[in-house]
Each structure stands twice: as structure tokens, then as C-alpha cells.
Amino acid sequence: MRGISLLLLSLLAWPLAAAELQLYAWERAPLVQQRSDGGAAGLVPELADELFRRAGIAYHLSFLPLQRALHLVQQQPNSCVLLVERQQEREPLFAWVGPLLVSRLSLYAKADDDVQLSSLEQVRGLRVLSHQGSGAGEYLQSIGVEVIYSNKESLNLSMLQRSRARLWATSSAVVDSLSAKPRPREVLPFLTLMEDIACHPRIDPIELQRLQDELRQMYREGRVQALYRKHGLSLQ
């Protein structure tokens, strides 16, 4: 009996492995892309992998559409979504780690479309393409613009080329990654957004602080800037 008691005590004293964090990502070329083996490629997965490694947090990454991922993270305490726009209505729903990305968004038109815009007031009456869940689309809708959403930016490019809408709200990094010829023409820059990791609001606060501290350290060391340069991108 003494031997069994000692065994039980030793098992109780053994440190429990921290639960693996579930990290969701959504395709956002060239920043986040799903490989054929289901893994992730691009600037943001590389940055996140180093960040979680430095923080000593094990994670499993899965791809889901953004809105589905956001819904699941609100239900799952030990989970996060990679690359989510900070918006006022989302702020209290998640715990945040960032900034990972600062995106300058513009309205783009087909190369041969001569539309000229000097303000968003002139966009009313025109249809605009946007990624589902994007703050760009929601912002445009809030000022009375008709927005058409899709789950892939490649579909938005295709719809622009087929004149389903005259304008597309996106970033230059996305436009460049899709290599359209001729390249869509930038018509009007209109919004700058911060994008972070969004986690369940009751995620372990110690882990959350470690992630934020390590991200700050990566900026101080120039590591984040180096990853951006590696992928031919800038921080803005």
C-alpha cells in the first residue's frame, strides 16, 4: 500500500502539460496561404510561429472562413484567430495580441475603367466588392455604399474583371499577390486598419501577457521588420 501511495503522490506532483491552443487562420494571400498539405505559408504564419515558440505555447493551426473562426473562438476558451481587424464592436468580444499588421486599404477599379474619385461621397451609387468580415466593407456600408461580399479575394478580382462591380476595396499586397494582368488601378485610398490575433476573452491571462511581451520584443529586435522584408512587404 505504501508503494501505491508513493506512486499516487508522484503522479499528482508531476506537472501537467499545458493544453494546446487552437489557432484558426483564414486564407489571405499573400499574408496567409494554405499549403496542399493543410499547413500554412506566408508572412503571418511565420511571424505567429516564432511568436508562439518564444512564448512557449504549443498550438494547432486549422483553416476556416473568418466568420466561422470568429464564432468558434467566442465559444472555445483556449483558442485564437490569426489576423483579425480591430473594430469598435469587436473590441470587447476578444482578447487581443498585436499589432501584427497595419493595412492601408484603397478602392480599385479595372485598369481600363476611367472612374475618378476624390472622396467617399462619390462612391454612393456604385457597387463595391469586399472580403466577408472585412472592416472595409462594413465601413462602406455604414456610409450608404452597396457592398458585395465573398470569402476569397480571388473571387472579388474575378467579379471586378467581369464588371459585377466597378470597385474593389482591398490592399495593394492582396492586389499584387493575385498577379492580375492588367493590374487593377488604385482609385482612392480610404481607410487604415490594425490587424491582430483575436483570442477568447477568458484565455489564460499569463499566456496572453507572454504573447504580447514577446511580440514587443520581436519589434525591438527588428525581427518583425526582417520578416516583412523577407516577404517583400512593408509594415504599412
C-alpha atoms as a PDB file:
ATOM      1  CA  MET A   1       0.000   0.000   0.000  1.00  0.00           C
ATOM      2  CA  ARG A   2       2.853   2.353   0.849  1.00  0.00           C
ATOM      3  CA  GLY A   3       4.290   1.801  -2.643  1.00  0.00           C
ATOM      4  CA  ILE A   4       0.928   2.629  -4.253  1.00  0.00           C
ATOM      5  CA  SER A   5       0.567   5.758  -2.104  1.00  0.00           C
ATOM      6  CA  LEU A   6       4.008   6.955  -3.112  1.00  0.00           C
ATOM      7  CA  LEU A   7       3.153   6.320  -6.768  1.00  0.00           C
ATOM      8  CA  LEU A   8      -0.054   8.346  -6.481  1.00  0.00           C
ATOM      9  CA  LEU A   9       1.779  11.198  -4.797  1.00  0.00           C
ATOM     10  CA  SER A  10       4.416  11.235  -7.515  1.00  0.00           C
ATOM     11  CA  LEU A  11       1.760  11.292 -10.239  1.00  0.00           C
ATOM     12  CA  LEU A  12      -0.068  14.154  -8.526  1.00  0.00           C
ATOM     13  CA  ALA A  13       3.182  16.080  -8.256  1.00  0.00           C
ATOM     14  CA  TRP A  14       4.029  15.591 -11.960  1.00  0.00           C
ATOM     15  CA  PRO A  15       3.488  18.870 -13.844  1.00  0.00           C
ATOM     16  CA  LEU A  16       0.535  18.787 -16.190  1.00  0.00           C
ATOM     17  CA  ALA A  17       1.266  19.666 -19.804  1.00  0.00           C
ATOM     18  CA  ALA A  18      -0.344  22.915 -20.879  1.00  0.00           C
ATOM     19  CA  ALA A  19      -3.328  22.420 -23.156  1.00  0.00           C
ATOM     20  CA  GLU A  20      -2.542  23.008 -26.817  1.00  0.00           C
ATOM     21  CA  LEU A  21      -4.026  26.250 -28.079  1.00  0.00           C
ATOM     22  CA  GLN A  22      -6.294  26.059 -31.127  1.00  0.00           C
ATOM     23  CA  LEU A  23      -5.253  28.701 -33.645  1.00  0.00           C
ATOM     24  CA  TYR A  24      -7.549  29.381 -36.605  1.00  0.00           C
ATOM     25  CA  ALA A  25      -6.386  31.041 -39.810  1.00  0.00           C
ATOM     26  CA  TRP A  26      -8.141  32.127 -42.994  1.00  0.00           C
ATOM     27  CA  GLU A  27      -6.644  32.462 -46.439  1.00  0.00           C
ATOM     28  CA  ARG A  28      -5.469  35.978 -47.186  1.00  0.00           C
ATOM     29  CA  ALA A  29      -2.860  35.828 -49.923  1.00  0.00           C
ATOM     30  CA  PRO A  30      -0.028  36.684 -49.746  1.00  0.00           C
ATOM     31  CA  LEU A  31      -0.118  37.127 -45.964  1.00  0.00           C
ATOM     32  CA  VAL A  32      -1.721  33.783 -45.086  1.00  0.00           C
ATOM     33  CA  GLN A  33      -1.999  30.861 -47.514  1.00  0.00           C
ATOM     34  CA  GLN A  34      -2.941  27.215 -47.070  1.00  0.00           C
ATOM     35  CA  ARG A  35      -0.432  24.692 -48.420  1.00  0.00           C
ATOM     36  CA  SER A  36      -1.518  21.488 -50.173  1.00  0.00           C
ATOM     37  CA  ASP A  37      -0.669  19.514 -47.008  1.00  0.00           C
ATOM     38  CA  GLY A  38      -3.015  21.681 -44.931  1.00  0.00           C
ATOM     39  CA  GLY A  39      -0.222  23.700 -43.337  1.00  0.00           C
ATOM     40  CA  ALA A  40       0.188  27.451 -43.512  1.00  0.00           C
ATOM     41  CA  ALA A  41       2.593  29.620 -45.508  1.00  0.00           C
ATOM     42  CA  GLY A  42       3.200  33.353 -45.705  1.00  0.00           C
ATOM     43  CA  LEU A  43       4.370  36.221 -43.563  1.00  0.00           C
ATOM     44  CA  VAL A  44       1.730  35.994 -40.833  1.00  0.00           C
ATOM     45  CA  PRO A  45       2.045  32.219 -40.115  1.00  0.00           C
ATOM     46  CA  GLU A  46       5.836  32.604 -39.940  1.00  0.00           C
ATOM     47  CA  LEU A  47       5.519  35.536 -37.556  1.00  0.00           C
ATOM     48  CA  ALA A  48       2.949  33.705 -35.408  1.00  0.00           C
ATOM     49  CA  ASP A  49       5.029  30.520 -35.296  1.00  0.00           C
ATOM     50  CA  GLU A  50       8.050  32.374 -33.948  1.00  0.00           C
ATOM     51  CA  LEU A  51       5.885  34.346 -31.520  1.00  0.00           C
ATOM     52  CA  PHE A  52       4.235  31.244 -30.017  1.00  0.00           C
ATOM     53  CA  ARG A  53       7.579  29.421 -29.883  1.00  0.00           C
ATOM     54  CA  ARG A  54       9.177  32.304 -27.974  1.00  0.00           C
ATOM     55  CA  ALA A  55       6.204  32.419 -25.592  1.00  0.00           C
ATOM     56  CA  GLY A  56       6.461  28.650 -25.012  1.00  0.00           C
ATOM     57  CA  ILE A  57       2.872  27.992 -26.126  1.00  0.00           C
ATOM     58  CA  ALA A  58       2.037  24.902 -28.176  1.00  0.00           C
ATOM     59  CA  TYR A  59      -0.675  25.372 -30.791  1.00  0.00           C
ATOM     60  CA  HIS A  60      -2.509  23.581 -33.576  1.00  0.00           C
ATOM     61  CA  LEU A  61      -3.417  25.600 -36.675  1.00  0.00           C
ATOM     62  CA  SER A  62      -6.545  24.976 -38.770  1.00  0.00           C
ATOM     63  CA  PHE A  63      -8.041  26.883 -41.686  1.00  0.00           C
ATOM     64  CA  LEU A  64     -11.632  28.138 -41.557  1.00  0.00           C
ATOM     65  CA  PRO A  65     -13.589  31.011 -43.115  1.00  0.00           C
ATOM     66  CA  LEU A  66     -13.106  34.114 -40.987  1.00  0.00           C
ATOM     67  CA  GLN A  67     -16.668  34.452 -39.696  1.00  0.00           C
ATOM     68  CA  ARG A  68     -16.813  30.777 -38.673  1.00  0.00           C
ATOM     69  CA  ALA A  69     -13.450  31.100 -36.913  1.00  0.00           C
ATOM     70  CA  LEU A  70     -14.574  34.207 -35.006  1.00  0.00           C
ATOM     71  CA  HIS A  71     -17.733  32.416 -33.866  1.00  0.00           C
ATOM     72  CA  LEU A  72     -15.804  29.353 -32.647  1.00  0.00           C
ATOM     73  CA  VAL A  73     -13.253  31.409 -30.742  1.00  0.00           C
ATOM     74  CA  GLN A  74     -16.057  33.086 -28.796  1.00  0.00           C
ATOM     75  CA  GLN A  75     -17.130  29.574 -27.688  1.00  0.00           C
ATOM     76  CA  GLN A  76     -13.715  27.944 -27.106  1.00  0.00           C
ATOM     77  CA  PRO A  77     -11.678  29.325 -24.157  1.00  0.00           C
ATOM     78  CA  ASN A  78      -8.248  28.178 -25.398  1.00  0.00           C
ATOM     79  CA  SER A  79      -8.407  29.445 -28.974  1.00  0.00           C
ATOM     80  CA  CYS A  80      -7.455  32.402 -31.172  1.00  0.00           C
ATOM     81  CA  VAL A  81      -7.915  33.664 -34.747  1.00  0.00           C
ATOM     82  CA  LEU A  82      -4.909  34.803 -36.732  1.00  0.00           C
ATOM     83  CA  LEU A  83      -5.156  38.247 -38.311  1.00  0.00           C
ATOM     84  CA  VAL A  84      -8.400  39.995 -37.338  1.00  0.00           C
ATOM     85  CA  GLU A  85      -9.193  43.647 -37.918  1.00  0.00           C
ATOM     86  CA  ARG A  86      -9.638  45.691 -34.737  1.00  0.00           C
ATOM     87  CA  GLN A  87     -13.123  47.183 -34.849  1.00  0.00           C
ATOM     88  CA  GLN A  88     -15.033  49.003 -32.114  1.00  0.00           C
ATOM     89  CA  GLU A  89     -17.823  46.423 -31.971  1.00  0.00           C
ATOM     90  CA  ARG A  90     -15.342  43.521 -31.816  1.00  0.00           C
ATOM     91  CA  GLU A  91     -13.093  45.050 -29.153  1.00  0.00           C
ATOM     92  CA  PRO A  92     -14.901  43.701 -26.029  1.00  0.00           C
ATOM     93  CA  LEU A  93     -15.577  40.275 -27.574  1.00  0.00           C
ATOM     94  CA  PHE A  94     -11.940  39.133 -27.703  1.00  0.00           C
ATOM     95  CA  ALA A  95      -8.560  39.437 -26.007  1.00  0.00           C
ATOM     96  CA  TRP A  96      -6.018  40.903 -28.419  1.00  0.00           C
ATOM     97  CA  VAL A  97      -2.340  40.409 -29.257  1.00  0.00           C
ATOM     98  CA  GLY A  98      -0.822  42.897 -31.667  1.00  0.00           C
ATOM     99  CA  PRO A  99      -0.268  44.761 -33.794  1.00  0.00           C
ATOM    100  CA  LEU A 100       0.659  42.177 -36.409  1.00  0.00           C
ATOM    101  CA  LEU A 101      -0.290  44.242 -39.421  1.00  0.00           C
ATOM    102  CA  VAL A 102      -1.287  47.788 -40.352  1.00  0.00           C
ATOM    103  CA  SER A 103      -3.208  47.725 -43.632  1.00  0.00           C
ATOM    104  CA  ARG A 104      -3.805  50.686 -45.925  1.00  0.00           C
ATOM    105  CA  LEU A 105      -6.972  49.969 -47.882  1.00  0.00           C
ATOM    106  CA  SER A 106      -7.956  51.545 -51.179  1.00  0.00           C
ATOM    107  CA  LEU A 107     -10.670  51.316 -53.790  1.00  0.00           C
ATOM    108  CA  TYR A 108      -9.502  49.672 -57.021  1.00  0.00           C
ATOM    109  CA  ALA A 109     -11.085  49.667 -60.481  1.00  0.00           C
ATOM    110  CA  LYS A 110     -10.380  47.746 -63.677  1.00  0.00           C
ATOM    111  CA  ALA A 111      -7.333  49.076 -65.494  1.00  0.00           C
ATOM    112  CA  ASP A 112      -9.469  50.342 -68.391  1.00  0.00           C
ATOM    113  CA  ASP A 113     -12.168  51.914 -66.181  1.00  0.00           C
ATOM    114  CA  ASP A 114     -11.717  55.697 -66.172  1.00  0.00           C
ATOM    115  CA  VAL A 115     -13.720  56.260 -62.965  1.00  0.00           C
ATOM    116  CA  GLN A 116     -12.242  59.124 -60.922  1.00  0.00           C
ATOM    117  CA  LEU A 117     -12.989  59.669 -57.221  1.00  0.00           C
ATOM    118  CA  SER A 118     -11.841  62.366 -54.848  1.00  0.00           C
ATOM    119  CA  SER A 119     -13.996  61.430 -51.833  1.00  0.00           C
ATOM    120  CA  LEU A 120     -16.138  58.602 -50.492  1.00  0.00           C
ATOM    121  CA  GLU A 121     -19.218  60.742 -51.088  1.00  0.00           C
ATOM    122  CA  GLN A 122     -18.797  59.943 -54.785  1.00  0.00           C
ATOM    123  CA  VAL A 123     -18.847  56.181 -54.124  1.00  0.00           C
ATOM    124  CA  ARG A 124     -22.544  56.150 -53.264  1.00  0.00           C
ATOM    125  CA  GLY A 125     -24.431  54.655 -56.183  1.00  0.00           C
ATOM    126  CA  LEU A 126     -21.501  52.382 -57.121  1.00  0.00           C
ATOM    127  CA  ARG A 127     -21.185  48.759 -56.002  1.00  0.00           C
ATOM    128  CA  VAL A 128     -18.021  47.773 -54.110  1.00  0.00           C
ATOM    129  CA  LEU A 129     -16.505  44.301 -53.645  1.00  0.00           C
ATOM    130  CA  SER A 130     -15.088  43.323 -50.240  1.00  0.00           C
ATOM    131  CA  HIS A 131     -13.932  40.280 -48.280  1.00  0.00           C
ATOM    132  CA  GLN A 132     -16.527  38.820 -45.884  1.00  0.00           C
ATOM    133  CA  GLY A 133     -15.855  40.095 -42.360  1.00  0.00           C
ATOM    134  CA  SER A 134     -13.688  42.975 -43.525  1.00  0.00           C
ATOM    135  CA  GLY A 135     -13.929  46.293 -41.729  1.00  0.00           C
ATOM    136  CA  ALA A 136     -13.590  47.941 -45.123  1.00  0.00           C
ATOM    137  CA  GLY A 137     -16.929  46.604 -46.318  1.00  0.00           C
ATOM    138  CA  GLU A 138     -18.665  47.339 -43.037  1.00  0.00           C
ATOM    139  CA  TYR A 139     -17.304  50.869 -43.028  1.00  0.00           C
ATOM    140  CA  LEU A 140     -18.500  51.490 -46.578  1.00  0.00           C
ATOM    141  CA  GLN A 141     -21.938  50.076 -45.784  1.00  0.00           C
ATOM    142  CA  SER A 142     -22.194  52.408 -42.780  1.00  0.00           C
ATOM    143  CA  ILE A 143     -21.990  55.415 -45.122  1.00  0.00           C
ATOM    144  CA  GLY A 144     -24.582  54.040 -47.513  1.00  0.00           C
ATOM    145  CA  VAL A 145     -22.456  52.204 -50.114  1.00  0.00           C
ATOM    146  CA  GLU A 146     -23.717  48.935 -51.623  1.00  0.00           C
ATOM    147  CA  VAL A 147     -21.173  46.196 -50.818  1.00  0.00           C
ATOM    148  CA  ILE A 148     -20.901  42.720 -52.374  1.00  0.00           C
ATOM    149  CA  TYR A 149     -19.058  40.203 -50.166  1.00  0.00           C
ATOM    150  CA  SER A 150     -17.173  36.997 -50.955  1.00  0.00           C
ATOM    151  CA  ASN A 151     -14.984  34.618 -48.937  1.00  0.00           C
ATOM    152  CA  LYS A 152     -11.997  34.868 -51.289  1.00  0.00           C
ATOM    153  CA  GLU A 153     -10.220  37.889 -52.698  1.00  0.00           C
ATOM    154  CA  SER A 154      -9.588  35.963 -55.916  1.00  0.00           C
ATOM    155  CA  LEU A 155     -13.371  35.890 -56.426  1.00  0.00           C
ATOM    156  CA  ASN A 156     -13.513  39.633 -55.887  1.00  0.00           C
ATOM    157  CA  LEU A 157     -10.865  40.119 -58.565  1.00  0.00           C
ATOM    158  CA  SER A 158     -12.812  37.877 -60.942  1.00  0.00           C
ATOM    159  CA  MET A 159     -16.039  39.803 -60.300  1.00  0.00           C
ATOM    160  CA  LEU A 160     -14.248  43.113 -60.854  1.00  0.00           C
ATOM    161  CA  GLN A 161     -12.877  41.860 -64.164  1.00  0.00           C
ATOM    162  CA  ARG A 162     -16.369  40.695 -65.191  1.00  0.00           C
ATOM    163  CA  SER A 163     -17.836  44.102 -64.200  1.00  0.00           C
ATOM    164  CA  ARG A 164     -20.045  42.716 -61.437  1.00  0.00           C
ATOM    165  CA  ALA A 165     -18.989  45.869 -59.589  1.00  0.00           C
ATOM    166  CA  ARG A 166     -16.874  48.861 -60.555  1.00  0.00           C
ATOM    167  CA  LEU A 167     -14.809  48.990 -57.370  1.00  0.00           C
ATOM    168  CA  TRP A 168     -12.937  46.612 -55.076  1.00  0.00           C
ATOM    169  CA  ALA A 169     -11.916  47.521 -51.502  1.00  0.00           C
ATOM    170  CA  THR A 170      -8.601  45.837 -50.631  1.00  0.00           C
ATOM    171  CA  SER A 171      -4.884  46.393 -50.042  1.00  0.00           C
ATOM    172  CA  SER A 172      -2.015  46.671 -52.509  1.00  0.00           C
ATOM    173  CA  ALA A 173      -0.447  43.492 -51.035  1.00  0.00           C
ATOM    174  CA  VAL A 174      -3.553  41.495 -51.996  1.00  0.00           C
ATOM    175  CA  VAL A 175      -3.698  43.024 -55.481  1.00  0.00           C
ATOM    176  CA  ASP A 176      -0.008  42.286 -56.077  1.00  0.00           C
ATOM    177  CA  SER A 177      -0.328  38.681 -54.863  1.00  0.00           C
ATOM    178  CA  LEU A 178      -3.051  37.842 -57.383  1.00  0.00           C
ATOM    179  CA  SER A 179      -0.836  38.929 -60.309  1.00  0.00           C
ATOM    180  CA  ALA A 180      -3.727  40.153 -62.443  1.00  0.00           C
ATOM    181  CA  LYS A 181      -2.824  41.445 -65.897  1.00  0.00           C
ATOM    182  CA  PRO A 182      -3.582  44.204 -66.403  1.00  0.00           C
ATOM    183  CA  ARG A 183      -3.314  45.186 -62.754  1.00  0.00           C
ATOM    184  CA  PRO A 184      -6.399  46.889 -61.254  1.00  0.00           C
ATOM    185  CA  ARG A 185      -5.967  50.631 -60.884  1.00  0.00           C
ATOM    186  CA  GLU A 186      -5.898  52.271 -57.454  1.00  0.00           C
ATOM    187  CA  VAL A 187      -8.608  54.941 -57.394  1.00  0.00           C
ATOM    188  CA  LEU A 188      -8.930  56.162 -53.809  1.00  0.00           C
ATOM    189  CA  PRO A 189      -7.131  55.278 -50.525  1.00  0.00           C
ATOM    190  CA  PHE A 190      -9.767  55.490 -47.794  1.00  0.00           C
ATOM    191  CA  LEU A 191      -9.005  53.506 -44.617  1.00  0.00           C
ATOM    192  CA  THR A 192      -6.132  52.264 -42.435  1.00  0.00           C
ATOM    193  CA  LEU A 193      -6.803  49.252 -40.191  1.00  0.00           C
ATOM    194  CA  MET A 194      -4.848  47.498 -37.443  1.00  0.00           C
ATOM    195  CA  GLU A 195      -4.934  43.697 -37.514  1.00  0.00           C
ATOM    196  CA  ASP A 196      -4.114  41.457 -34.544  1.00  0.00           C
ATOM    197  CA  ILE A 197      -4.536  37.972 -33.097  1.00  0.00           C
ATOM    198  CA  ALA A 198      -8.035  37.740 -31.562  1.00  0.00           C
ATOM    199  CA  CYS A 199      -8.401  35.270 -28.668  1.00  0.00           C
ATOM    200  CA  HIS A 200     -11.207  34.090 -26.412  1.00  0.00           C
ATOM    201  CA  PRO A 201     -11.735  36.833 -23.765  1.00  0.00           C
ATOM    202  CA  ARG A 202     -11.023  34.374 -20.943  1.00  0.00           C
ATOM    203  CA  ILE A 203      -7.818  32.947 -22.390  1.00  0.00           C
ATOM    204  CA  ASP A 204      -5.124  32.360 -19.749  1.00  0.00           C
ATOM    205  CA  PRO A 205      -4.013  35.938 -18.887  1.00  0.00           C
ATOM    206  CA  ILE A 206      -0.447  34.781 -18.212  1.00  0.00           C
ATOM    207  CA  GLU A 207      -0.189  33.269 -21.704  1.00  0.00           C
ATOM    208  CA  LEU A 208      -1.771  36.371 -23.209  1.00  0.00           C
ATOM    209  CA  GLN A 209       0.778  38.605 -21.483  1.00  0.00           C
ATOM    210  CA  ARG A 210       3.658  36.378 -22.606  1.00  0.00           C
ATOM    211  CA  LEU A 211       2.500  36.644 -26.211  1.00  0.00           C
ATOM    212  CA  GLN A 212       2.203  40.425 -26.016  1.00  0.00           C
ATOM    213  CA  ASP A 213       5.593  40.771 -24.315  1.00  0.00           C
ATOM    214  CA  GLU A 214       7.312  38.542 -26.871  1.00  0.00           C
ATOM    215  CA  LEU A 215       5.739  40.425 -29.766  1.00  0.00           C
ATOM    216  CA  ARG A 216       7.047  43.714 -28.361  1.00  0.00           C
ATOM    217  CA  GLN A 217      10.479  42.132 -28.036  1.00  0.00           C
ATOM    218  CA  MET A 218      10.350  40.951 -31.653  1.00  0.00           C
ATOM    219  CA  TYR A 219       9.662  44.542 -32.723  1.00  0.00           C
ATOM    220  CA  ARG A 220      12.511  45.854 -30.552  1.00  0.00           C
ATOM    221  CA  GLU A 221      14.930  43.327 -32.060  1.00  0.00           C
ATOM    222  CA  GLY A 222      13.821  44.196 -35.593  1.00  0.00           C
ATOM    223  CA  ARG A 223      12.642  40.618 -36.121  1.00  0.00           C
ATOM    224  CA  VAL A 224       9.146  41.608 -37.290  1.00  0.00           C
ATOM    225  CA  GLN A 225      10.598  44.122 -39.735  1.00  0.00           C
ATOM    226  CA  ALA A 226      13.006  41.450 -41.053  1.00  0.00           C
ATOM    227  CA  LEU A 227      10.142  39.034 -41.722  1.00  0.00           C
ATOM    228  CA  TYR A 228       8.273  41.735 -43.630  1.00  0.00           C
ATOM    229  CA  ARG A 229      11.347  42.410 -45.777  1.00  0.00           C
ATOM    230  CA  LYS A 230      11.773  38.680 -46.406  1.00  0.00           C
ATOM    231  CA  HIS A 231       8.290  38.579 -47.923  1.00  0.00           C
ATOM    232  CA  GLY A 232       8.734  41.789 -49.885  1.00  0.00           C
ATOM    233  CA  LEU A 233       6.266  43.739 -47.747  1.00  0.00           C
ATOM    234  CA  SER A 234       6.371  46.780 -45.510  1.00  0.00           C
ATOM    235  CA  LEU A 235       4.761  47.399 -42.128  1.00  0.00           C
ATOM    236  CA  GLN A 236       2.242  49.737 -43.770  1.00  0.00           C
END
